[in-house]
Every structure is written in C-alpha cells, then in structure tokens.
Amino acid sequence: MEEEKVLLNATLCFLVRNSKVLLGFKTKKIGKDCWNGYGGGIEEGEIPKQSALRELKEKTGMVALPESLEKAAIVDFHNTKSDGSTLFVEYMFI
C-alpha cells in the first residue's frame, strides 16, 4: 500500500482565462476523481508564489509571470487520514 502524502503547507492556483476558471481532473492521490486547480507542496526555501509558479509549470507546462498571480485567501483544513488520525493543514490559494 502506498504511504499517504501529508502536506502541511501547499499552494493551489486557479487559472482564469476569458472570465472562465480552468480546472484539471485529478487521477491520483489527494483529490482523486475530482476537478481542481493546480498546486502542491511548498518546498523548503520557497515562498508560496514561487511554489505556485513551479507547480503550474510542472502540471500544465505553462509559464506564468509572478505578477499575474493574485493572492486570494489562506485556508486552514483539518484533514482525517485513512488511519483515522487527524492533522491540521494550511493551504495558500494564489
């Protein structure tokens, strides 16, 4: 069985083009079988905006300009893992 990934700090980026939000369909891991924005964990030494730019490029191939990202919110989650334990997670939405 694959070990569960635990993200304590992550970014999520919603792409907007012509007033429409562009989403990706998750095929594995966190959010499997759901539509969502693009993002992932913040690596050591990164600030949230750098993480969002890196994740966007890794997952879509798109290179966005830093000034094109706008911080929308900081959201705190309390997640329950498959073993029943809970953890507190903070996600930065950009």
N, C-alpha and C. Protein backbone atom coordinates (compact mmCIF):
# COMPACT_ATOMS: atom_id res chain seq x y z
N MET A 1 0.85 -1.19 0.00
CA MET A 1 0.00 0.00 0.00
C MET A 1 0.88 1.25 0.00
N GLU A 2 0.54 2.20 -0.86
CA GLU A 2 1.31 3.44 -0.96
C GLU A 2 1.08 4.30 0.28
N GLU A 3 2.18 4.86 0.83
CA GLU A 3 2.07 5.72 2.01
C GLU A 3 1.35 7.01 1.65
N GLU A 4 0.47 7.45 2.57
CA GLU A 4 -0.27 8.70 2.34
C GLU A 4 0.67 9.89 2.36
N LYS A 5 0.44 10.79 1.43
CA LYS A 5 1.22 12.03 1.38
C LYS A 5 0.57 13.03 2.34
N VAL A 6 1.38 13.68 3.15
CA VAL A 6 0.88 14.68 4.09
C VAL A 6 1.53 16.01 3.75
N LEU A 7 0.72 16.96 3.31
CA LEU A 7 1.20 18.31 3.01
C LEU A 7 0.80 19.24 4.14
N LEU A 8 1.77 19.90 4.74
CA LEU A 8 1.44 20.85 5.80
C LEU A 8 1.32 22.27 5.27
N ASN A 9 2.01 22.56 4.18
CA ASN A 9 1.91 23.86 3.53
C ASN A 9 1.88 23.62 2.03
N ALA A 10 0.90 24.19 1.38
CA ALA A 10 0.74 23.95 -0.05
C ALA A 10 0.11 25.16 -0.72
N THR A 11 0.19 25.18 -2.04
CA THR A 11 -0.47 26.24 -2.81
C THR A 11 -1.50 25.60 -3.74
N LEU A 12 -2.45 26.40 -4.12
CA LEU A 12 -3.44 25.98 -5.10
C LEU A 12 -3.70 27.18 -6.00
N CYS A 13 -3.56 26.97 -7.30
CA CYS A 13 -3.66 28.05 -8.26
C CYS A 13 -4.84 27.80 -9.19
N PHE A 14 -5.73 28.76 -9.28
CA PHE A 14 -6.86 28.67 -10.19
C PHE A 14 -6.58 29.55 -11.41
N LEU A 15 -6.52 28.95 -12.56
CA LEU A 15 -6.27 29.68 -13.80
C LEU A 15 -7.56 30.29 -14.30
N VAL A 16 -7.51 31.56 -14.69
CA VAL A 16 -8.68 32.24 -15.22
C VAL A 16 -8.34 32.77 -16.60
N ARG A 17 -9.18 32.41 -17.58
CA ARG A 17 -9.00 32.89 -18.95
C ARG A 17 -10.36 33.26 -19.49
N ASN A 18 -10.50 34.48 -20.00
CA ASN A 18 -11.76 34.97 -20.55
C ASN A 18 -12.92 34.77 -19.56
N SER A 19 -12.67 35.11 -18.32
CA SER A 19 -13.67 35.02 -17.24
C SER A 19 -14.10 33.59 -16.92
N LYS A 20 -13.33 32.60 -17.35
CA LYS A 20 -13.64 31.19 -17.05
C LYS A 20 -12.49 30.59 -16.24
N VAL A 21 -12.83 29.78 -15.25
CA VAL A 21 -11.83 29.11 -14.43
C VAL A 21 -11.48 27.78 -15.10
N LEU A 22 -10.19 27.56 -15.33
CA LEU A 22 -9.71 26.33 -15.97
C LEU A 22 -9.25 25.36 -14.89
N LEU A 23 -9.84 24.18 -14.85
CA LEU A 23 -9.53 23.20 -13.82
C LEU A 23 -8.90 21.96 -14.45
N GLY A 24 -8.19 21.20 -13.62
CA GLY A 24 -7.63 19.92 -14.05
C GLY A 24 -8.36 18.80 -13.34
N PHE A 25 -8.43 17.62 -13.98
CA PHE A 25 -9.08 16.47 -13.37
C PHE A 25 -8.02 15.61 -12.70
N LYS A 26 -8.18 15.40 -11.39
CA LYS A 26 -7.21 14.63 -10.61
C LYS A 26 -7.40 13.13 -10.87
N THR A 27 -6.33 12.43 -11.22
CA THR A 27 -6.42 11.00 -11.49
C THR A 27 -5.77 10.14 -10.42
N LYS A 28 -5.10 10.77 -9.44
CA LYS A 28 -4.48 10.00 -8.36
C LYS A 28 -4.26 10.88 -7.15
N LYS A 29 -3.93 10.26 -6.05
CA LYS A 29 -3.57 10.89 -4.78
C LYS A 29 -4.68 11.81 -4.25
N ILE A 30 -4.27 12.88 -3.59
CA ILE A 30 -5.21 13.80 -2.92
C ILE A 30 -6.19 14.37 -3.95
N GLY A 31 -7.49 14.22 -3.72
CA GLY A 31 -8.49 14.76 -4.62
C GLY A 31 -8.77 13.90 -5.84
N LYS A 32 -8.36 12.63 -5.82
CA LYS A 32 -8.56 11.73 -6.96
C LYS A 32 -10.02 11.76 -7.42
N ASP A 33 -10.21 11.78 -8.74
CA ASP A 33 -11.53 11.78 -9.39
C ASP A 33 -12.32 13.07 -9.17
N CYS A 34 -11.63 14.15 -8.91
CA CYS A 34 -12.28 15.46 -8.71
C CYS A 34 -11.62 16.50 -9.61
N TRP A 35 -12.37 17.54 -9.94
CA TRP A 35 -11.83 18.69 -10.66
C TRP A 35 -11.26 19.66 -9.64
N ASN A 36 -10.11 20.27 -9.96
CA ASN A 36 -9.47 21.17 -9.00
C ASN A 36 -8.52 22.10 -9.74
N GLY A 37 -7.99 23.07 -9.00
CA GLY A 37 -6.94 23.93 -9.52
C GLY A 37 -5.62 23.18 -9.50
N TYR A 38 -4.54 23.87 -9.80
CA TYR A 38 -3.21 23.25 -9.88
C TYR A 38 -2.39 23.70 -8.69
N GLY A 39 -1.67 22.77 -8.10
CA GLY A 39 -0.83 23.14 -6.97
C GLY A 39 -0.17 21.94 -6.36
N GLY A 40 0.41 22.18 -5.20
CA GLY A 40 1.11 21.13 -4.47
C GLY A 40 1.90 21.72 -3.33
N GLY A 41 2.76 20.91 -2.76
CA GLY A 41 3.51 21.30 -1.57
C GLY A 41 4.52 22.40 -1.82
N ILE A 42 4.72 23.21 -0.80
CA ILE A 42 5.74 24.26 -0.84
C ILE A 42 7.05 23.62 -0.41
N GLU A 43 8.05 23.67 -1.29
CA GLU A 43 9.35 23.06 -1.00
C GLU A 43 10.16 23.97 -0.08
N GLU A 44 11.11 23.36 0.62
CA GLU A 44 11.97 24.11 1.54
C GLU A 44 12.66 25.25 0.80
N GLY A 45 12.60 26.45 1.37
CA GLY A 45 13.23 27.62 0.78
C GLY A 45 12.34 28.39 -0.18
N GLU A 46 11.17 27.84 -0.53
CA GLU A 46 10.26 28.53 -1.44
C GLU A 46 9.28 29.41 -0.66
N ILE A 47 8.86 30.48 -1.31
CA ILE A 47 7.72 31.23 -0.80
C ILE A 47 6.50 30.73 -1.58
N PRO A 48 5.28 30.95 -1.07
CA PRO A 48 4.10 30.41 -1.74
C PRO A 48 3.99 30.76 -3.23
N LYS A 49 4.31 31.97 -3.61
CA LYS A 49 4.19 32.36 -5.02
C LYS A 49 5.15 31.55 -5.89
N GLN A 50 6.38 31.32 -5.41
CA GLN A 50 7.34 30.51 -6.16
C GLN A 50 6.81 29.09 -6.33
N SER A 51 6.23 28.56 -5.26
CA SER A 51 5.66 27.21 -5.31
C SER A 51 4.53 27.13 -6.33
N ALA A 52 3.65 28.11 -6.33
CA ALA A 52 2.53 28.13 -7.27
C ALA A 52 3.03 28.17 -8.71
N LEU A 53 4.04 29.00 -8.99
CA LEU A 53 4.60 29.09 -10.34
C LEU A 53 5.25 27.77 -10.76
N ARG A 54 6.00 27.15 -9.85
CA ARG A 54 6.65 25.87 -10.15
C ARG A 54 5.62 24.78 -10.41
N GLU A 55 4.63 24.67 -9.52
CA GLU A 55 3.61 23.64 -9.66
C GLU A 55 2.80 23.83 -10.95
N LEU A 56 2.48 25.06 -11.28
CA LEU A 56 1.74 25.35 -12.51
C LEU A 56 2.53 24.88 -13.73
N LYS A 57 3.84 25.15 -13.75
CA LYS A 57 4.67 24.72 -14.87
C LYS A 57 4.79 23.20 -14.91
N GLU A 58 5.00 22.56 -13.75
CA GLU A 58 5.14 21.10 -13.70
C GLU A 58 3.87 20.39 -14.17
N LYS A 59 2.73 20.91 -13.80
CA LYS A 59 1.48 20.20 -14.07
C LYS A 59 0.81 20.59 -15.38
N THR A 60 1.13 21.78 -15.92
CA THR A 60 0.47 22.22 -17.15
C THR A 60 1.44 22.57 -18.27
N GLY A 61 2.70 22.79 -17.93
CA GLY A 61 3.68 23.25 -18.92
C GLY A 61 3.63 24.75 -19.13
N MET A 62 2.68 25.42 -18.47
CA MET A 62 2.54 26.88 -18.62
C MET A 62 3.54 27.61 -17.76
N VAL A 63 4.10 28.69 -18.29
CA VAL A 63 4.98 29.56 -17.52
C VAL A 63 4.21 30.85 -17.28
N ALA A 64 3.88 31.11 -16.03
CA ALA A 64 3.14 32.32 -15.67
C ALA A 64 4.11 33.36 -15.12
N LEU A 65 3.80 34.61 -15.31
CA LEU A 65 4.59 35.70 -14.74
C LEU A 65 4.19 35.87 -13.28
N PRO A 66 5.16 36.09 -12.39
CA PRO A 66 4.83 36.26 -10.98
C PRO A 66 3.77 37.32 -10.72
N GLU A 67 3.82 38.41 -11.49
CA GLU A 67 2.86 39.50 -11.28
C GLU A 67 1.45 39.13 -11.75
N SER A 68 1.32 38.01 -12.47
CA SER A 68 -0.01 37.59 -12.91
C SER A 68 -0.77 36.82 -11.83
N LEU A 69 -0.07 36.43 -10.76
CA LEU A 69 -0.72 35.70 -9.67
C LEU A 69 -1.23 36.67 -8.62
N GLU A 70 -2.40 36.39 -8.11
CA GLU A 70 -3.01 37.23 -7.09
C GLU A 70 -3.41 36.37 -5.90
N LYS A 71 -2.94 36.75 -4.72
CA LYS A 71 -3.31 36.01 -3.52
C LYS A 71 -4.79 36.20 -3.24
N ALA A 72 -5.50 35.09 -3.12
CA ALA A 72 -6.94 35.17 -2.91
C ALA A 72 -7.32 34.86 -1.47
N ALA A 73 -6.63 33.92 -0.82
CA ALA A 73 -7.03 33.52 0.52
C ALA A 73 -5.99 32.61 1.14
N ILE A 74 -6.05 32.48 2.45
CA ILE A 74 -5.35 31.44 3.19
C ILE A 74 -6.44 30.62 3.84
N VAL A 75 -6.42 29.31 3.59
CA VAL A 75 -7.48 28.44 4.10
C VAL A 75 -6.86 27.37 4.99
N ASP A 76 -7.43 27.17 6.15
CA ASP A 76 -6.98 26.14 7.08
C ASP A 76 -7.91 24.94 7.00
N PHE A 77 -7.32 23.74 6.89
CA PHE A 77 -8.08 22.50 6.81
C PHE A 77 -7.72 21.59 7.98
N HIS A 78 -8.68 20.85 8.44
CA HIS A 78 -8.45 19.76 9.38
C HIS A 78 -8.79 18.49 8.61
N ASN A 79 -7.78 17.71 8.29
CA ASN A 79 -7.96 16.52 7.46
C ASN A 79 -7.92 15.25 8.31
N THR A 80 -8.67 14.26 7.89
CA THR A 80 -8.64 12.94 8.52
C THR A 80 -7.96 11.99 7.57
N LYS A 81 -6.91 11.33 8.05
CA LYS A 81 -6.18 10.36 7.24
C LYS A 81 -6.92 9.03 7.24
N SER A 82 -6.51 8.13 6.37
CA SER A 82 -7.19 6.84 6.25
C SER A 82 -7.10 6.00 7.51
N ASP A 83 -6.10 6.26 8.37
CA ASP A 83 -6.00 5.51 9.62
C ASP A 83 -6.83 6.12 10.75
N GLY A 84 -7.57 7.21 10.44
CA GLY A 84 -8.43 7.85 11.42
C GLY A 84 -7.80 9.00 12.17
N SER A 85 -6.47 9.16 12.06
CA SER A 85 -5.82 10.28 12.74
C SER A 85 -6.11 11.58 11.98
N THR A 86 -6.02 12.69 12.67
CA THR A 86 -6.30 13.98 12.04
C THR A 86 -5.07 14.85 12.06
N LEU A 87 -5.01 15.79 11.12
CA LEU A 87 -3.93 16.75 11.10
C LEU A 87 -4.47 18.09 10.62
N PHE A 88 -3.80 19.13 11.02
CA PHE A 88 -4.16 20.49 10.65
C PHE A 88 -3.30 20.90 9.46
N VAL A 89 -3.90 21.45 8.43
CA VAL A 89 -3.19 21.82 7.23
C VAL A 89 -3.56 23.25 6.84
N GLU A 90 -2.57 24.04 6.43
CA GLU A 90 -2.83 25.39 5.94
C GLU A 90 -2.50 25.44 4.47
N TYR A 91 -3.44 25.84 3.63
CA TYR A 91 -3.24 25.98 2.20
C TYR A 91 -3.31 27.44 1.82
N MET A 92 -2.37 27.85 1.00
CA MET A 92 -2.34 29.21 0.47
C MET A 92 -2.91 29.17 -0.93
N PHE A 93 -3.96 29.91 -1.19
CA PHE A 93 -4.53 29.97 -2.52
C PHE A 93 -4.02 31.19 -3.24
N ILE A 94 -3.45 30.99 -4.41
CA ILE A 94 -2.90 32.11 -5.18
C ILE A 94 -3.46 32.03 -6.59
